[in-house]
PDB file of N, CA and C in Angstrom:
ATOM      1  N   MET A   1       0.645  -1.565  -0.153  1.00  0.00           N
ATOM      2  CA  MET A   1      -0.018  -0.061   0.279  1.00  0.00           C
ATOM      3  C   MET A   1       0.989   0.960   0.132  1.00  0.00           C
ATOM      4  N   PHE A   2       1.732   1.294   0.757  1.00  0.00           N
ATOM      5  CA  PHE A   2       2.883   2.287   0.741  1.00  0.00           C
ATOM      6  C   PHE A   2       3.792   1.913  -0.118  1.00  0.00           C
ATOM      7  N   ARG A   3       4.841   2.767  -0.056  1.00  0.00           N
ATOM      8  CA  ARG A   3       6.487   3.164  -0.442  1.00  0.00           C
ATOM      9  C   ARG A   3       7.222   3.565   0.004  1.00  0.00           C
ATOM     10  N   ILE A   4       6.830   2.945   0.787  1.00  0.00           N
ATOM     11  CA  ILE A   4       8.300   3.589   2.562  1.00  0.00           C
ATOM     12  C   ILE A   4       9.340   2.567   1.680  1.00  0.00           C
ATOM     13  N   LYS A   5       8.955   1.749   2.248  1.00  0.00           N
ATOM     14  CA  LYS A   5      10.568   0.903   1.772  1.00  0.00           C
ATOM     15  C   LYS A   5      11.294   1.228   1.108  1.00  0.00           C
ATOM     16  N   GLU A   6      10.786   1.457  -0.539  1.00  0.00           N
ATOM     17  CA  GLU A   6      11.177   1.454  -2.053  1.00  0.00           C
ATOM     18  C   GLU A   6      11.861   2.922  -1.127  1.00  0.00           C
ATOM     19  N   LEU A   7      11.409   4.212  -1.137  1.00  0.00           N
ATOM     20  CA  LEU A   7      11.623   5.179  -0.912  1.00  0.00           C
ATOM     21  C   LEU A   7      13.004   5.646   0.428  1.00  0.00           C
ATOM     22  N   ARG A   8      13.181   4.930   1.577  1.00  0.00           N
ATOM     23  CA  ARG A   8      13.732   4.651   2.344  1.00  0.00           C
ATOM     24  C   ARG A   8      15.463   3.739   1.987  1.00  0.00           C
ATOM     25  N   LYS A   9      14.895   2.833   1.007  1.00  0.00           N
ATOM     26  CA  LYS A   9      16.137   2.147   0.828  1.00  0.00           C
ATOM     27  C   LYS A   9      16.601   3.281  -0.575  1.00  0.00           C
ATOM     28  N   GLN A  10      15.688   4.518  -1.069  1.00  0.00           N
ATOM     29  CA  GLN A  10      16.492   5.278  -2.343  1.00  0.00           C
ATOM     30  C   GLN A  10      17.576   5.982  -1.245  1.00  0.00           C
ATOM     31  N   CYS A  11      16.779   6.054   0.225  1.00  0.00           N
ATOM     32  CA  CYS A  11      17.592   7.383   0.619  1.00  0.00           C
ATOM     33  C   CYS A  11      19.181   6.451   1.467  1.00  0.00           C
ATOM     34  N   GLY A  12      18.660   5.237   1.110  1.00  0.00           N
ATOM     35  CA  GLY A  12      20.133   4.892   1.849  1.00  0.00           C
ATOM     36  C   GLY A  12      19.760   4.202   3.142  1.00  0.00           C
ATOM     37  N   MET A  13      18.649   4.440   3.608  1.00  0.00           N
ATOM     38  CA  MET A  13      18.582   4.072   5.197  1.00  0.00           C
ATOM     39  C   MET A  13      18.171   2.842   5.309  1.00  0.00           C
ATOM     40  N   THR A  14      18.557   2.947   6.175  1.00  0.00           N
ATOM     41  CA  THR A  14      18.038   1.284   7.377  1.00  0.00           C
ATOM     42  C   THR A  14      16.517   0.978   7.890  1.00  0.00           C
ATOM     43  N   GLN A  15      16.060   0.082   8.146  1.00  0.00           N
ATOM     44  CA  GLN A  15      14.785   0.423   8.826  1.00  0.00           C
ATOM     45  C   GLN A  15      15.119   1.117  10.024  1.00  0.00           C
ATOM     46  N   LEU A  16      16.049   0.874  11.207  1.00  0.00           N
ATOM     47  CA  LEU A  16      16.378   1.275  12.515  1.00  0.00           C
ATOM     48  C   LEU A  16      16.833   2.529  12.438  1.00  0.00           C
ATOM     49  N   GLN A  17      17.090   3.130  11.127  1.00  0.00           N
ATOM     50  CA  GLN A  17      17.793   4.693  11.148  1.00  0.00           C
ATOM     51  C   GLN A  17      16.098   4.945  10.821  1.00  0.00           C
ATOM     52  N   LEU A  18      15.682   5.494  10.013  1.00  0.00           N
ATOM     53  CA  LEU A  18      14.359   6.013   9.760  1.00  0.00           C
ATOM     54  C   LEU A  18      13.345   5.581  10.887  1.00  0.00           C
ATOM     55  N   ALA A  19      13.508   4.465  11.344  1.00  0.00           N
ATOM     56  CA  ALA A  19      12.392   3.881  12.920  1.00  0.00           C
ATOM     57  C   ALA A  19      12.904   5.117  13.721  1.00  0.00           C
ATOM     58  N   GLN A  20      14.087   5.644  13.875  1.00  0.00           N
ATOM     59  CA  GLN A  20      14.966   5.797  15.255  1.00  0.00           C
ATOM     60  C   GLN A  20      14.432   7.524  15.106  1.00  0.00           C
ATOM     61  N   LYS A  21      14.315   8.274  13.995  1.00  0.00           N
ATOM     62  CA  LYS A  21      14.198   9.392  13.582  1.00  0.00           C
ATOM     63  C   LYS A  21      12.954   9.320  13.653  1.00  0.00           C
ATOM     64  N   ILE A  22      12.052   8.751  13.168  1.00  0.00           N
ATOM     65  CA  ILE A  22      10.767   9.107  14.058  1.00  0.00           C
ATOM     66  C   ILE A  22      10.288   9.021  15.061  1.00  0.00           C
ATOM     67  N   GLY A  23      10.474   8.270  16.051  1.00  0.00           N
ATOM     68  CA  GLY A  23      10.787   8.054  16.919  1.00  0.00           C
ATOM     69  C   GLY A  23       9.625   6.558  17.364  1.00  0.00           C
ATOM     70  N   ILE A  24       9.953   5.813  16.066  1.00  0.00           N
ATOM     71  CA  ILE A  24       8.553   4.518  16.559  1.00  0.00           C
ATOM     72  C   ILE A  24       9.502   3.007  16.463  1.00  0.00           C
ATOM     73  N   SER A  25       9.555   2.006  16.671  1.00  0.00           N
ATOM     74  CA  SER A  25      10.411   1.189  16.972  1.00  0.00           C
ATOM     75  C   SER A  25      10.200  -0.124  15.058  1.00  0.00           C
ATOM     76  N   ARG A  26      11.666  -0.084  15.282  1.00  0.00           N
ATOM     77  CA  ARG A  26      11.557  -0.876  14.009  1.00  0.00           C
ATOM     78  C   ARG A  26      10.827  -2.175  13.635  1.00  0.00           C
ATOM     79  N   GLU A  27      10.151  -2.444  14.341  1.00  0.00           N
ATOM     80  CA  GLU A  27       9.660  -3.572  14.241  1.00  0.00           C
ATOM     81  C   GLU A  27       7.956  -2.976  13.979  1.00  0.00           C
ATOM     82  N   TYR A  28       8.017  -1.704  14.459  1.00  0.00           N
ATOM     83  CA  TYR A  28       6.246  -1.331  13.625  1.00  0.00           C
ATOM     84  C   TYR A  28       6.371  -0.784  12.357  1.00  0.00           C
ATOM     85  N   LEU A  29       7.747  -0.315  12.051  1.00  0.00           N
ATOM     86  CA  LEU A  29       8.338   0.189  11.138  1.00  0.00           C
ATOM     87  C   LEU A  29       8.255  -0.744  10.092  1.00  0.00           C
ATOM     88  N   SER A  30       8.872  -1.855  10.132  1.00  0.00           N
ATOM     89  CA  SER A  30       8.884  -3.022   9.734  1.00  0.00           C
ATOM     90  C   SER A  30       7.496  -3.650   9.113  1.00  0.00           C
ATOM     91  N   ALA A  31       5.856  -4.009  10.356  1.00  0.00           N
ATOM     92  CA  ALA A  31       4.767  -4.125  10.136  1.00  0.00           C
ATOM     93  C   ALA A  31       4.095  -2.889   8.896  1.00  0.00           C
ATOM     94  N   VAL A  32       4.688  -2.135   8.682  1.00  0.00           N
ATOM     95  CA  VAL A  32       3.886  -0.565   7.957  1.00  0.00           C
ATOM     96  C   VAL A  32       4.390  -1.374   7.055  1.00  0.00           C
ATOM     97  N   GLU A  33       5.753  -1.722   6.647  1.00  0.00           N
ATOM     98  CA  GLU A  33       6.408  -1.206   5.372  1.00  0.00           C
ATOM     99  C   GLU A  33       5.688  -2.791   4.675  1.00  0.00           C
ATOM    100  N   ASN A  34       5.119  -3.713   5.581  1.00  0.00           N
ATOM    101  CA  ASN A  34       4.663  -4.686   4.700  1.00  0.00           C
ATOM    102  C   ASN A  34       3.344  -5.180   4.541  1.00  0.00           C
ATOM    103  N   GLY A  35       2.489  -3.948   5.999  1.00  0.00           N
ATOM    104  CA  GLY A  35       1.266  -3.809   5.110  1.00  0.00           C
ATOM    105  C   GLY A  35       0.338  -3.955   5.918  1.00  0.00           C
ATOM    106  N   HIS A  36       0.836  -5.016   7.255  1.00  0.00           N
ATOM    107  CA  HIS A  36       0.265  -5.950   8.107  1.00  0.00           C
ATOM    108  C   HIS A  36      -0.286  -4.660   9.412  1.00  0.00           C
ATOM    109  N   LYS A  37       0.275  -3.176   9.587  1.00  0.00           N
ATOM    110  CA  LYS A  37      -0.414  -1.708  10.074  1.00  0.00           C
ATOM    111  C   LYS A  37      -0.090  -0.648   9.197  1.00  0.00           C
ATOM    112  N   TYR A  38      -1.549   0.192   9.993  1.00  0.00           N
ATOM    113  CA  TYR A  38      -1.750   1.339   8.814  1.00  0.00           C
ATOM    114  C   TYR A  38      -1.229   2.600   9.925  1.00  0.00           C
ATOM    115  N   PRO A  39      -0.261   3.019   9.273  1.00  0.00           N
ATOM    116  CA  PRO A  39       0.161   4.396  10.163  1.00  0.00           C
ATOM    117  C   PRO A  39      -0.898   5.386  10.112  1.00  0.00           C
ATOM    118  N   SER A  40      -0.324   6.765  11.080  1.00  0.00           N
ATOM    119  CA  SER A  40      -1.694   7.674  11.230  1.00  0.00           C
ATOM    120  C   SER A  40      -0.811   8.866   9.800  1.00  0.00           C
ATOM    121  N   MET A  41      -1.689   9.563   9.740  1.00  0.00           N
ATOM    122  CA  MET A  41      -1.588  10.406   8.914  1.00  0.00           C
ATOM    123  C   MET A  41      -0.409  11.418   9.606  1.00  0.00           C
ATOM    124  N   ALA A  42      -0.069  11.531  11.313  1.00  0.00           N
ATOM    125  CA  ALA A  42       0.859  12.159  11.310  1.00  0.00           C
ATOM    126  C   ALA A  42       2.114  11.210  11.455  1.00  0.00           C
ATOM    127  N   LEU A  43       1.757  10.559  11.401  1.00  0.00           N
ATOM    128  CA  LEU A  43       3.252   9.477  11.060  1.00  0.00           C
ATOM    129  C   LEU A  43       3.522   9.192   9.352  1.00  0.00           C
ATOM    130  N   LEU A  44       2.986   9.480   8.460  1.00  0.00           N
ATOM    131  CA  LEU A  44       2.671   9.777   7.186  1.00  0.00           C
ATOM    132  C   LEU A  44       3.642  11.253   7.121  1.00  0.00           C
ATOM    133  N   ILE A  45       3.164  12.258   7.597  1.00  0.00           N
ATOM    134  CA  ILE A  45       4.242  13.178   7.275  1.00  0.00           C
ATOM    135  C   ILE A  45       5.526  13.350   8.303  1.00  0.00           C
ATOM    136  N   LYS A  46       5.848  12.629   8.999  1.00  0.00           N
ATOM    137  CA  LYS A  46       7.193  12.652   9.373  1.00  0.00           C
ATOM    138  C   LYS A  46       7.732  12.013   8.512  1.00  0.00           C
ATOM    139  N   ILE A  47       7.685  10.609   8.576  1.00  0.00           N
ATOM    140  CA  ILE A  47       8.060  10.250   7.336  1.00  0.00           C
ATOM    141  C   ILE A  47       8.433  10.428   6.524  1.00  0.00           C
ATOM    142  N   SER A  48       7.251  11.560   5.681  1.00  0.00           N
ATOM    143  CA  SER A  48       7.729  12.097   4.140  1.00  0.00           C
ATOM    144  C   SER A  48       8.648  13.161   4.250  1.00  0.00           C
ATOM    145  N   ASP A  49       8.684  13.743   5.727  1.00  0.00           N
ATOM    146  CA  ASP A  49       9.633  14.871   5.633  1.00  0.00           C
ATOM    147  C   ASP A  49      11.333  14.246   5.850  1.00  0.00           C
ATOM    148  N   ILE A  50      11.479  12.877   6.769  1.00  0.00           N
ATOM    149  CA  ILE A  50      11.813  12.562   6.642  1.00  0.00           C
ATOM    150  C   ILE A  50      12.914  12.174   5.327  1.00  0.00           C
ATOM    151  N   LEU A  51      11.729  11.434   4.124  1.00  0.00           N
ATOM    152  CA  LEU A  51      12.567  10.776   3.536  1.00  0.00           C
ATOM    153  C   LEU A  51      12.384  12.697   2.284  1.00  0.00           C
ATOM    154  N   ASP A  52      12.155  13.469   2.846  1.00  0.00           N
ATOM    155  CA  ASP A  52      12.284  13.923   1.535  1.00  0.00           C
ATOM    156  C   ASP A  52      11.198  13.941   0.410  1.00  0.00           C
ATOM    157  N   THR A  53      10.160  13.443   0.848  1.00  0.00           N
ATOM    158  CA  THR A  53       9.049  13.556  -0.150  1.00  0.00           C
ATOM    159  C   THR A  53       7.750  13.729   0.545  1.00  0.00           C
ATOM    160  N   SER A  54       6.347  13.705  -0.141  1.00  0.00           N
ATOM    161  CA  SER A  54       5.518  14.212   0.023  1.00  0.00           C
ATOM    162  C   SER A  54       4.285  12.856   0.703  1.00  0.00           C
ATOM    163  N   VAL A  55       3.407  13.047   1.399  1.00  0.00           N
ATOM    164  CA  VAL A  55       2.741  11.777   1.515  1.00  0.00           C
ATOM    165  C   VAL A  55       2.319  11.394   0.127  1.00  0.00           C
ATOM    166  N   ARG A  56       1.611  12.854  -0.388  1.00  0.00           N
ATOM    167  CA  ARG A  56       1.408  11.309  -1.560  1.00  0.00           C
ATOM    168  C   ARG A  56       2.453  10.595  -2.233  1.00  0.00           C
ATOM    169  N   ASP A  57       3.417  11.100  -2.250  1.00  0.00           N
ATOM    170  CA  ASP A  57       4.019  10.100  -3.054  1.00  0.00           C
ATOM    171  C   ASP A  57       4.406   9.023  -2.206  1.00  0.00           C
ATOM    172  N   LEU A  58       4.245   8.734  -0.278  1.00  0.00           N
ATOM    173  CA  LEU A  58       4.400   7.612   0.044  1.00  0.00           C
ATOM    174  C   LEU A  58       3.158   6.690  -0.042  1.00  0.00           C
ATOM    175  N   LEU A  59       2.459   6.705  -1.608  1.00  0.00           N
ATOM    176  CA  LEU A  59       1.230   6.005  -1.710  1.00  0.00           C
ATOM    177  C   LEU A  59       1.782   4.915  -2.409  1.00  0.00           C
ATOM    178  N   GLU A  60       1.574   3.532  -2.324  1.00  0.00           N
ATOM    179  CA  GLU A  60       1.933   2.883  -4.155  1.00  0.00           C
ATOM    180  C   GLU A  60       0.964   3.038  -5.506  1.00  0.00           C
ATOM    181  N   ASP A  61      -0.630   3.207  -5.091  1.00  0.00           N
ATOM    182  CA  ASP A  61      -1.034   3.951  -6.437  1.00  0.00           C
ATOM    183  C   ASP A  61      -1.278   5.557  -6.389  1.00  0.00           C
ATOM    184  N   LYS A  62      -0.012   5.901  -6.990  1.00  0.00           N
ATOM    185  CA  LYS A  62      -0.202   7.503  -7.337  1.00  0.00           C
ATOM    186  C   LYS A  62      -1.746   7.875  -8.400  1.00  0.00           C
ATOM    187  N   LEU A  63      -1.781   8.740  -7.864  1.00  0.00           N
ATOM    188  CA  LEU A  63      -2.696   9.154  -8.347  1.00  0.00           C
ATOM    189  C   LEU A  63      -2.718  10.221 -10.226  1.00  0.00           C
ATOM    190  N   ALA A  64      -3.992  10.070 -10.743  1.00  0.00           N
ATOM    191  CA  ALA A  64      -3.243  10.754 -11.887  1.00  0.00           C
ATOM    192  C   ALA A  64      -3.179  12.185 -11.382  1.00  0.00           C
TER     193      ALA A  64
END
């Protein structure tokens, strides 16, 4: 559902590094990346800020 893993890897970050920067556990980030958990909008905003992208770009299915 989200492109977090793809964009995180493009930035050269590990799950642990990103999780620490946004204040969540690596396990929770893994669950989000694998579609087992759904992050809040506040968390998506934090992730997009760290990955220097927009929340919209985190979505797997981009809107036209």
